Protein backbone atom coordinates (compact mmCIF):
# COMPACT_ATOMS: atom_id res chain seq x y z
CA MET A 1 -11.04 -0.48 -13.78
CA SER A 2 -11.35 -2.91 -10.92
CA ASP A 3 -12.96 -2.07 -7.53
CA PHE A 4 -9.51 -2.44 -6.05
CA ALA A 5 -7.95 -0.01 -8.50
CA LYS A 6 -10.75 2.59 -8.24
CA ARG A 7 -10.55 2.64 -4.40
CA LEU A 8 -6.75 2.65 -4.19
CA ALA A 9 -6.89 5.64 -6.55
CA GLN A 10 -9.21 7.39 -4.20
CA LEU A 11 -7.35 6.41 -0.99
CA SER A 12 -3.71 7.27 -1.99
CA PRO A 13 -3.52 10.78 -3.31
CA GLY A 14 -5.21 13.45 -1.17
CA SER A 15 -5.43 14.50 2.34
CA PRO A 16 -3.28 12.67 4.96
CA LEU A 17 -4.54 9.47 6.62
CA VAL A 18 -3.15 9.60 10.19
CA ASN A 19 -4.95 6.48 11.18
CA PHE A 20 -6.14 3.36 9.34
CA PRO A 21 -9.36 3.92 7.48
CA ASN A 22 -12.60 3.01 9.37
CA LYS A 23 -13.90 0.78 6.47
CA PRO A 24 -12.45 -2.76 6.63
CA ARG A 25 -12.40 -2.87 2.84
CA ASP A 26 -10.30 0.29 2.63
CA VAL A 27 -7.75 -1.18 5.13
CA GLU A 28 -7.77 -4.41 3.14
CA ILE A 29 -7.04 -2.45 -0.14
CA LEU A 30 -4.15 -0.56 1.39
CA LEU A 31 -2.64 -3.65 2.95
CA GLN A 32 -3.00 -5.70 -0.18
CA SER A 33 -1.35 -2.92 -2.19
CA LEU A 34 1.60 -3.14 0.22
CA ALA A 35 1.61 -6.95 0.51
CA HIS A 36 2.45 -7.65 -3.10
CA GLU A 37 5.63 -5.65 -2.59
CA PHE A 38 6.95 -8.73 -0.74
CA GLU A 39 8.13 -11.88 -2.46
CA SER A 40 6.49 -15.15 -1.37
CA GLY A 41 8.77 -17.39 0.66
CA ARG A 42 11.59 -14.86 0.95
CA ILE A 43 12.98 -14.16 4.48
CA TYR A 44 13.13 -10.60 5.47
CA ASN A 45 14.67 -8.88 8.45
CA GLU A 46 12.83 -6.04 10.18
CA ALA A 47 14.94 -3.25 8.50
CA SER A 48 14.12 -4.73 5.10
CA ILE A 49 10.46 -4.72 5.84
CA ASP A 50 10.60 -1.18 7.17
CA SER A 51 12.44 -0.08 4.05
CA ILE A 52 9.77 -1.54 1.71
CA ILE A 53 7.01 0.00 3.74
CA MET A 54 8.63 3.46 3.61
CA GLN A 55 9.21 3.14 -0.10
CA TRP A 56 5.53 2.12 -0.58
CA LYS A 57 4.48 5.13 1.39
CA ARG A 58 6.52 7.48 -0.86
CA GLU A 59 5.29 5.87 -4.06
CA VAL A 60 1.81 4.45 -3.45
CA GLY A 61 0.52 5.23 0.03
CA ARG A 62 1.27 8.96 -0.39
CA ARG A 63 -1.26 10.15 1.96
CA VAL A 64 -0.65 7.44 4.64
CA GLU A 65 1.03 9.11 7.55
CA ILE A 66 0.78 6.04 9.75
CA ASP A 67 4.04 5.05 11.35
CA HIS A 68 5.86 2.25 9.57
CA VAL A 69 6.04 0.22 12.74
CA ASN A 70 2.21 0.30 13.07
CA ILE A 71 1.92 -0.63 9.46
CA ARG A 72 4.26 -3.55 9.87
CA ARG A 73 2.33 -4.70 13.00
CA ARG A 74 -0.98 -4.47 11.04
CA LEU A 75 0.55 -6.57 8.10
CA VAL A 76 1.45 -9.18 10.72
CA ASP A 77 -1.84 -9.05 12.58
CA ASP A 78 -3.97 -9.28 9.33
CA LEU A 79 -1.69 -12.17 8.14
CA TYR A 80 -0.14 -10.38 5.18
CA LEU A 81 3.28 -11.04 6.70
CA ASN A 82 4.45 -13.92 8.88
CA ARG A 83 6.79 -13.12 11.81
CA SER A 84 9.07 -15.59 13.59
CA ARG A 85 8.62 -16.10 17.37
CA ASP A 86 11.72 -14.07 18.13
CA GLY A 87 10.55 -11.31 15.82
CA ARG A 88 13.77 -11.26 13.82
CA GLU A 89 12.41 -12.80 10.54
CA TYR A 90 9.43 -12.02 8.38
CA SER A 91 8.10 -13.71 5.32
CA ALA A 92 5.23 -13.18 2.93
CA PRO A 93 2.73 -16.10 2.84
CA GLU A 94 1.70 -17.36 -0.54
CA ARG A 95 -1.58 -15.69 -1.07
CA LEU A 96 -3.44 -14.16 -3.88
CA VAL A 97 -3.88 -10.37 -3.88
CA GLU A 98 -6.11 -8.44 -6.11
CA ALA A 99 -3.35 -6.38 -7.69
CA ALA A 100 -0.57 -7.77 -9.75
CA VAL A 101 2.95 -6.66 -8.85
CA GLY A 102 3.54 -3.09 -9.84
CA GLU A 103 -0.09 -2.48 -10.50
CA SER A 104 -0.55 -0.20 -7.36
CA ARG A 105 2.23 2.22 -8.70
CA LYS A 106 0.58 2.29 -12.10
CA ILE A 107 -2.93 2.97 -10.52
CA ILE A 108 -1.53 5.92 -8.58
CA GLU A 109 0.47 7.31 -11.57
CA ASP A 110 -2.58 7.08 -13.80
CA GLU A 111 -4.79 8.82 -11.13
CA LEU A 112 -2.25 11.61 -10.68
CA ASP A 113 -1.98 12.10 -14.51
CA ALA A 114 -5.81 12.21 -14.72
CA ARG A 115 -5.99 14.85 -12.01
CA ALA A 116 -3.27 16.96 -13.63
CA ALA A 117 -5.05 16.70 -17.00
CA LYS A 118 -8.26 18.00 -15.32
CA ARG A 119 -6.37 20.84 -13.74
CA ARG A 120 -4.89 21.84 -17.18
CA VAL A 121 -8.36 21.82 -18.70
CA HIS A 122 -9.76 24.03 -15.88
CA GLU A 123 -6.75 26.38 -16.14
CA SER A 124 -7.13 26.80 -19.87
CA ASP A 125 -10.79 27.75 -19.59
């Protein structure tokens, strides 16, 4: 399992994150996980971006309670998304991320399955 996968599995399920993590690498992992949800070169409007962020929060960033507006702003500030001057259009730059499309969801599913298996073992003892 890659460093990205291990850390994402630790960051996502668990106690709520009401702010971005303090460690830059943790912020990078969360943002990379979200960034690969966007298609390179496609133009998005703000509502589409917000919808993708909220879906990611439900499925991957389960403990991230950071407002979608702040997440969107951070994606732009950290260059994971480009925003037009008038703020109406967004696009994902072509860039490599450490996770393949869909990998973040699988990482979280596997982590939740492993935790459930551990609980079952403890409950049967």
